[in-house]
Amino acid sequence: MAQGRLDGARLGDDEQIAWLDAFTEQMGHPSDAEKTFFARRQALGRGVGLDASGNLVFAGKGTAAQFRG
C-alpha cells in the first residue's frame, strides 16, 4: 500500500463510518483552488449547470448563470 493512502477494505465498521463522515464533510465545502477555478470560468462565460428547479443554465461573460430555454 502506498504511503498516504487508505485501503477502505481494511477499515473496521467504526473506522469506515468515521472515514465517510470526514470525507463527506471535506467534500461538502469547495477549496480555495476550486473557488478560484470556477470564478474564472464564470468570468469567461464558460460552463453550464442546473438551477434550483432543475433547469439548464449557462453563464454569460462576467455574469451569473442565466436560464436559456
N, C-alpha and C. Protein backbone atom coordinates (compact mmCIF):
# COMPACT_ATOMS: atom_id res chain seq x y z
N MET A 1 0.85 -1.18 0.00
CA MET A 1 0.00 0.00 0.00
C MET A 1 0.89 1.24 0.00
N ALA A 2 0.59 2.22 -0.86
CA ALA A 2 1.37 3.45 -0.96
C ALA A 2 1.16 4.31 0.28
N GLN A 3 2.19 5.01 0.65
CA GLN A 3 2.09 5.89 1.82
C GLN A 3 1.06 6.98 1.57
N GLY A 4 0.26 7.28 2.59
CA GLY A 4 -0.75 8.33 2.46
C GLY A 4 -2.06 7.86 1.87
N ARG A 5 -2.18 6.59 1.59
CA ARG A 5 -3.41 6.04 1.03
C ARG A 5 -3.99 5.02 2.01
N LEU A 6 -5.31 5.01 2.05
CA LEU A 6 -6.01 4.08 2.93
C LEU A 6 -6.74 3.05 2.10
N ASP A 7 -6.62 1.81 2.46
CA ASP A 7 -7.39 0.75 1.83
C ASP A 7 -8.68 0.60 2.65
N GLY A 8 -9.78 1.05 2.07
CA GLY A 8 -11.06 1.03 2.78
C GLY A 8 -11.49 -0.35 3.21
N ALA A 9 -11.04 -1.38 2.51
CA ALA A 9 -11.40 -2.75 2.86
C ALA A 9 -10.76 -3.18 4.18
N ARG A 10 -9.73 -2.49 4.60
CA ARG A 10 -9.04 -2.85 5.84
C ARG A 10 -9.57 -2.11 7.05
N LEU A 11 -10.53 -1.24 6.87
CA LEU A 11 -11.08 -0.49 7.99
C LEU A 11 -12.19 -1.28 8.68
N GLY A 12 -12.25 -1.15 10.00
CA GLY A 12 -13.35 -1.74 10.74
C GLY A 12 -14.62 -0.92 10.53
N ASP A 13 -15.73 -1.41 11.02
CA ASP A 13 -17.01 -0.72 10.83
C ASP A 13 -16.98 0.71 11.36
N ASP A 14 -16.51 0.89 12.60
CA ASP A 14 -16.45 2.23 13.18
C ASP A 14 -15.50 3.13 12.41
N GLU A 15 -14.39 2.58 11.93
CA GLU A 15 -13.43 3.36 11.14
C GLU A 15 -14.03 3.77 9.80
N GLN A 16 -14.79 2.89 9.17
CA GLN A 16 -15.44 3.22 7.91
C GLN A 16 -16.44 4.36 8.09
N ILE A 17 -17.20 4.31 9.16
CA ILE A 17 -18.17 5.37 9.46
C ILE A 17 -17.45 6.69 9.68
N ALA A 18 -16.37 6.67 10.47
CA ALA A 18 -15.61 7.89 10.74
C ALA A 18 -14.99 8.44 9.46
N TRP A 19 -14.44 7.53 8.62
CA TRP A 19 -13.83 7.97 7.36
C TRP A 19 -14.88 8.61 6.46
N LEU A 20 -16.04 7.98 6.33
CA LEU A 20 -17.10 8.51 5.47
C LEU A 20 -17.59 9.87 5.98
N ASP A 21 -17.75 10.01 7.28
CA ASP A 21 -18.17 11.29 7.85
C ASP A 21 -17.14 12.38 7.53
N ALA A 22 -15.85 12.08 7.71
CA ALA A 22 -14.80 13.07 7.44
C ALA A 22 -14.75 13.40 5.95
N PHE A 23 -14.86 12.39 5.10
CA PHE A 23 -14.84 12.60 3.65
C PHE A 23 -16.02 13.46 3.21
N THR A 24 -17.21 13.15 3.70
CA THR A 24 -18.41 13.90 3.36
C THR A 24 -18.30 15.36 3.79
N GLU A 25 -17.77 15.59 4.97
CA GLU A 25 -17.58 16.96 5.46
C GLU A 25 -16.60 17.72 4.57
N GLN A 26 -15.49 17.08 4.22
CA GLN A 26 -14.47 17.74 3.40
C GLN A 26 -15.01 18.02 1.99
N MET A 27 -15.72 17.10 1.41
CA MET A 27 -16.24 17.26 0.05
C MET A 27 -17.41 18.24 -0.02
N GLY A 28 -18.00 18.55 1.13
CA GLY A 28 -19.14 19.46 1.18
C GLY A 28 -18.77 20.93 1.06
N HIS A 29 -17.49 21.23 1.06
CA HIS A 29 -17.03 22.62 1.02
C HIS A 29 -15.93 22.75 -0.04
N PRO A 30 -16.10 23.68 -1.00
CA PRO A 30 -15.06 23.83 -2.03
C PRO A 30 -13.78 24.42 -1.44
N SER A 31 -12.67 23.98 -1.99
CA SER A 31 -11.37 24.53 -1.57
C SER A 31 -11.19 25.92 -2.21
N ASP A 32 -10.19 26.65 -1.75
CA ASP A 32 -9.90 27.95 -2.35
C ASP A 32 -9.54 27.80 -3.83
N ALA A 33 -8.81 26.72 -4.16
CA ALA A 33 -8.45 26.49 -5.57
C ALA A 33 -9.70 26.24 -6.42
N GLU A 34 -10.66 25.50 -5.88
CA GLU A 34 -11.91 25.25 -6.62
C GLU A 34 -12.71 26.55 -6.80
N LYS A 35 -12.77 27.36 -5.75
CA LYS A 35 -13.48 28.63 -5.85
C LYS A 35 -12.86 29.52 -6.93
N THR A 36 -11.53 29.58 -6.95
CA THR A 36 -10.81 30.38 -7.96
C THR A 36 -11.08 29.85 -9.36
N PHE A 37 -10.99 28.53 -9.52
CA PHE A 37 -11.22 27.90 -10.81
C PHE A 37 -12.60 28.24 -11.36
N PHE A 38 -13.63 28.08 -10.54
CA PHE A 38 -14.99 28.30 -11.02
C PHE A 38 -15.32 29.78 -11.17
N ALA A 39 -14.71 30.64 -10.37
CA ALA A 39 -14.90 32.08 -10.54
C ALA A 39 -14.31 32.52 -11.89
N ARG A 40 -13.17 31.97 -12.25
CA ARG A 40 -12.55 32.30 -13.55
C ARG A 40 -13.42 31.80 -14.69
N ARG A 41 -13.94 30.59 -14.57
CA ARG A 41 -14.83 30.06 -15.62
C ARG A 41 -16.06 30.95 -15.79
N GLN A 42 -16.63 31.39 -14.67
CA GLN A 42 -17.81 32.25 -14.73
C GLN A 42 -17.46 33.58 -15.40
N ALA A 43 -16.32 34.15 -15.04
CA ALA A 43 -15.91 35.43 -15.62
C ALA A 43 -15.70 35.32 -17.13
N LEU A 44 -15.28 34.13 -17.58
CA LEU A 44 -15.06 33.91 -19.01
C LEU A 44 -16.32 33.46 -19.74
N GLY A 45 -17.42 33.29 -19.00
CA GLY A 45 -18.68 32.87 -19.62
C GLY A 45 -18.72 31.40 -19.98
N ARG A 46 -17.96 30.61 -19.27
CA ARG A 46 -17.92 29.17 -19.55
C ARG A 46 -18.73 28.40 -18.53
N GLY A 47 -19.24 27.27 -18.96
CA GLY A 47 -19.89 26.34 -18.04
C GLY A 47 -21.40 26.39 -18.08
N VAL A 48 -21.97 25.30 -17.67
CA VAL A 48 -23.41 25.15 -17.52
C VAL A 48 -23.68 24.46 -16.20
N GLY A 49 -24.91 24.49 -15.81
CA GLY A 49 -25.31 23.81 -14.58
C GLY A 49 -26.82 23.75 -14.50
N LEU A 50 -27.32 23.41 -13.34
CA LEU A 50 -28.75 23.35 -13.10
C LEU A 50 -29.13 24.34 -12.02
N ASP A 51 -30.28 25.01 -12.20
CA ASP A 51 -30.77 25.89 -11.15
C ASP A 51 -31.55 25.05 -10.14
N ALA A 52 -32.11 25.71 -9.12
CA ALA A 52 -32.82 25.01 -8.05
C ALA A 52 -34.02 24.22 -8.56
N SER A 53 -34.56 24.61 -9.73
CA SER A 53 -35.71 23.91 -10.30
C SER A 53 -35.31 22.83 -11.30
N GLY A 54 -34.02 22.64 -11.50
CA GLY A 54 -33.55 21.63 -12.43
C GLY A 54 -33.44 22.09 -13.86
N ASN A 55 -33.58 23.41 -14.09
CA ASN A 55 -33.45 23.96 -15.44
C ASN A 55 -31.97 24.14 -15.78
N LEU A 56 -31.62 23.89 -17.04
CA LEU A 56 -30.26 24.08 -17.51
C LEU A 56 -29.96 25.58 -17.57
N VAL A 57 -28.84 25.99 -17.00
CA VAL A 57 -28.44 27.40 -17.00
C VAL A 57 -27.04 27.51 -17.58
N PHE A 58 -26.77 28.65 -18.23
CA PHE A 58 -25.48 28.93 -18.85
C PHE A 58 -24.93 30.22 -18.26
N ALA A 59 -23.64 30.29 -18.09
CA ALA A 59 -23.02 31.51 -17.60
C ALA A 59 -22.76 32.44 -18.77
N GLY A 60 -23.02 33.71 -18.56
CA GLY A 60 -22.66 34.72 -19.55
C GLY A 60 -21.36 35.37 -19.11
N LYS A 61 -20.60 35.93 -20.02
CA LYS A 61 -19.32 36.50 -19.66
C LYS A 61 -19.50 37.58 -18.59
N GLY A 62 -18.86 37.38 -17.45
CA GLY A 62 -18.90 38.34 -16.35
C GLY A 62 -20.21 38.39 -15.61
N THR A 63 -21.10 37.42 -15.82
CA THR A 63 -22.39 37.42 -15.14
C THR A 63 -22.63 36.08 -14.47
N ALA A 64 -23.63 36.07 -13.62
CA ALA A 64 -24.05 34.81 -13.02
C ALA A 64 -24.78 34.01 -14.09
N ALA A 65 -24.91 32.71 -13.86
CA ALA A 65 -25.58 31.84 -14.82
C ALA A 65 -27.03 32.27 -15.03
N GLN A 66 -27.48 32.18 -16.26
CA GLN A 66 -28.85 32.55 -16.63
C GLN A 66 -29.51 31.40 -17.38
N PHE A 67 -30.82 31.27 -17.21
CA PHE A 67 -31.58 30.24 -17.92
C PHE A 67 -31.72 30.62 -19.38
N ARG A 68 -31.49 29.67 -20.26
CA ARG A 68 -31.71 29.85 -21.69
C ARG A 68 -32.61 28.70 -22.14
N GLY A 69 -33.88 28.97 -22.24
CA GLY A 69 -34.84 27.92 -22.57
C GLY A 69 -35.01 27.77 -24.00
